[in-house]
Amino acid sequence: MDSHKQEKVQKFEEFVDSRLKPDLVRAIAERDKIFEKQKILFYSSDLKKNIETLEKNGVTSLRSSVNLGSEVYMQADVPDTRHIFVDVGMGFHVEFTWSEALEFITVKQARLDKQLEEYTHLIASIKAQIKMVYEGIRELLQIPALSG
């Protein structure tokens, strides 16, 4: 192989190793973070169901067991369930009415779904670029393509 081809192949490989593969690793890590956020939001879906049940049954006060940590529970009286505190992230809790909480959960889920879709497309695009560069190297070296 002549030095010109060898130089081109080396540049293509360096591009894949120094740019595309790190981009792919970052995109996968970001998508995994969104999966984790969705897992946490799954608990908000339980909250959504509970709010809908409270609303449907007109429950404005209740008695509940609260996990204090390490599976230690305590009885709690909730005199007014019409306002609840929702974890909105980064350690912040916001007081919402039932309808506000339901709207927040719905909007947050839609936003996470959109972000997940965007990262999935980005990952597919980076993988396609890597494949295209490797195909260019194959053609440059005049190696026959594998069938199947």
Protein backbone atom coordinates (compact mmCIF):
# COMPACT_ATOMS: atom_id res chain seq x y z
CA MET A 1 0.00 0.00 0.00
CA ASP A 2 1.39 3.41 -0.89
CA SER A 3 2.07 5.99 1.79
CA HIS A 4 -0.74 8.29 0.59
CA LYS A 5 -3.39 5.59 1.12
CA GLN A 6 -1.82 4.60 4.41
CA GLU A 7 -1.93 8.22 5.58
CA LYS A 8 -5.62 8.54 4.61
CA VAL A 9 -6.51 5.30 6.38
CA GLN A 10 -4.68 6.48 9.50
CA LYS A 11 -6.55 9.83 9.45
CA PHE A 12 -9.90 8.05 9.07
CA GLU A 13 -9.09 5.69 11.95
CA GLU A 14 -7.94 8.60 14.12
CA PHE A 15 -11.19 10.44 13.35
CA VAL A 16 -13.23 7.42 14.42
CA ASP A 17 -11.16 6.84 17.57
CA SER A 18 -10.72 10.46 18.67
CA ARG A 19 -14.07 11.94 17.66
CA LEU A 20 -16.84 9.52 16.75
CA LYS A 21 -16.33 6.85 19.42
CA PRO A 22 -16.09 9.39 22.30
CA ASP A 23 -19.20 11.14 20.93
CA LEU A 24 -20.98 7.78 20.89
CA VAL A 25 -19.94 7.01 24.47
CA ARG A 26 -21.17 10.45 25.63
CA ALA A 27 -24.49 10.11 23.79
CA ILE A 28 -25.10 6.65 25.30
CA ALA A 29 -24.25 7.98 28.78
CA GLU A 30 -26.69 10.88 28.34
CA ARG A 31 -29.40 8.52 27.12
CA ASP A 32 -28.77 6.29 30.15
CA LYS A 33 -29.24 9.34 32.42
CA ILE A 34 -32.61 9.93 30.78
CA PHE A 35 -33.54 6.27 31.34
CA GLU A 36 -32.72 6.80 35.04
CA LYS A 37 -34.88 9.93 35.14
CA GLN A 38 -37.70 7.96 33.52
CA LYS A 39 -37.30 5.25 36.15
CA ILE A 40 -37.67 7.92 38.84
CA LEU A 41 -40.64 9.38 36.98
CA PHE A 42 -42.21 5.92 37.07
CA TYR A 43 -42.76 6.62 40.77
CA SER A 44 -44.42 9.86 39.71
CA SER A 45 -46.76 7.73 37.62
CA ASP A 46 -47.75 6.02 40.86
CA LEU A 47 -48.27 9.50 42.30
CA LYS A 48 -50.41 10.35 39.27
CA LYS A 49 -52.57 7.26 39.86
CA ASN A 50 -52.87 8.09 43.56
CA ILE A 51 -53.90 11.68 42.82
CA GLU A 52 -56.49 10.48 40.32
CA THR A 53 -57.84 8.02 42.89
CA LEU A 54 -58.01 10.73 45.57
CA GLU A 55 -59.77 13.05 43.12
CA LYS A 56 -62.20 10.39 41.94
CA ASN A 57 -63.14 9.40 45.48
CA GLY A 58 -63.19 12.96 46.86
CA VAL A 59 -60.66 12.13 49.59
CA THR A 60 -59.45 15.33 51.24
CA SER A 61 -57.74 13.79 54.30
CA LEU A 62 -56.16 10.43 55.01
CA ARG A 63 -54.03 8.34 57.33
CA SER A 64 -50.96 6.71 55.82
CA SER A 65 -47.75 4.85 56.66
CA VAL A 66 -44.64 6.83 55.79
CA ASN A 67 -41.24 5.24 55.24
CA LEU A 68 -38.74 7.15 57.38
CA GLY A 69 -35.82 5.25 55.85
CA SER A 70 -34.30 1.80 56.34
CA GLU A 71 -37.83 0.38 56.10
CA VAL A 72 -38.90 2.09 59.33
CA TYR A 73 -42.51 3.25 59.03
CA MET A 74 -44.63 5.68 60.99
CA GLN A 75 -48.32 6.54 60.88
CA ALA A 76 -49.04 9.98 59.44
CA ASP A 77 -52.25 11.97 59.35
CA VAL A 78 -52.70 14.16 56.28
CA PRO A 79 -55.42 16.69 57.12
CA ASP A 80 -55.58 18.22 53.62
CA THR A 81 -54.57 16.16 50.59
CA ARG A 82 -55.62 18.80 48.07
CA HIS A 83 -52.09 20.29 48.14
CA ILE A 84 -49.07 18.02 47.78
CA PHE A 85 -45.33 18.46 47.54
CA VAL A 86 -43.71 16.99 44.44
CA ASP A 87 -40.00 16.38 43.95
CA VAL A 88 -39.18 18.47 40.87
CA GLY A 89 -35.51 17.51 40.85
CA MET A 90 -32.22 18.76 42.25
CA GLY A 91 -33.55 18.35 45.78
CA PHE A 92 -36.42 20.80 45.34
CA HIS A 93 -40.02 20.08 46.25
CA VAL A 94 -42.86 22.26 45.03
CA GLU A 95 -46.33 22.50 46.48
CA PHE A 96 -48.95 21.72 43.83
CA THR A 97 -52.68 21.31 43.69
CA TRP A 98 -53.80 17.97 42.30
CA SER A 99 -54.35 19.37 38.81
CA GLU A 100 -50.99 21.19 38.83
CA ALA A 101 -49.19 18.00 39.90
CA LEU A 102 -50.90 15.98 37.16
CA GLU A 103 -49.93 18.57 34.56
CA PHE A 104 -46.33 18.69 35.82
CA ILE A 105 -45.98 14.90 35.63
CA THR A 106 -47.46 14.81 32.11
CA VAL A 107 -45.20 17.61 30.83
CA LYS A 108 -42.10 16.09 32.45
CA GLN A 109 -42.84 12.67 30.92
CA ALA A 110 -43.33 14.20 27.46
CA ARG A 111 -40.04 16.12 27.77
CA LEU A 112 -38.11 13.01 28.82
CA ASP A 113 -39.67 11.00 25.98
CA LYS A 114 -38.58 13.67 23.49
CA GLN A 115 -35.03 13.78 24.89
CA LEU A 116 -34.82 10.00 24.78
CA GLU A 117 -35.92 9.99 21.15
CA GLU A 118 -33.35 12.68 20.27
CA TYR A 119 -30.48 10.76 21.89
CA THR A 120 -31.59 7.51 20.26
CA HIS A 121 -31.46 9.23 16.85
CA LEU A 122 -28.07 10.79 17.67
CA ILE A 123 -26.66 7.39 18.65
CA ALA A 124 -27.95 5.83 15.43
CA SER A 125 -26.44 8.70 13.42
CA ILE A 126 -23.02 8.34 15.06
CA LYS A 127 -23.06 4.58 14.51
CA ALA A 128 -23.94 5.18 10.84
CA GLN A 129 -21.05 7.65 10.52
CA ILE A 130 -18.63 5.12 12.03
CA LYS A 131 -19.88 2.47 9.63
CA MET A 132 -19.54 4.87 6.70
CA VAL A 133 -15.93 5.73 7.62
CA TYR A 134 -15.06 2.04 7.93
CA GLU A 135 -16.71 1.43 4.56
CA GLY A 136 -14.58 4.25 3.10
CA ILE A 137 -11.46 2.62 4.53
CA ARG A 138 -12.52 -0.73 3.06
CA GLU A 139 -12.99 0.83 -0.37
CA LEU A 140 -9.73 2.75 -0.11
CA LEU A 141 -7.88 -0.48 0.65
CA GLN A 142 -9.89 -2.25 -2.06
CA ILE A 143 -11.02 -4.99 0.28
CA PRO A 144 -14.11 -6.82 -1.00
CA ALA A 145 -17.26 -6.30 1.03
CA LEU A 146 -18.54 -9.19 3.12
CA SER A 147 -21.89 -10.42 1.89
CA GLY A 148 -24.73 -11.18 4.26
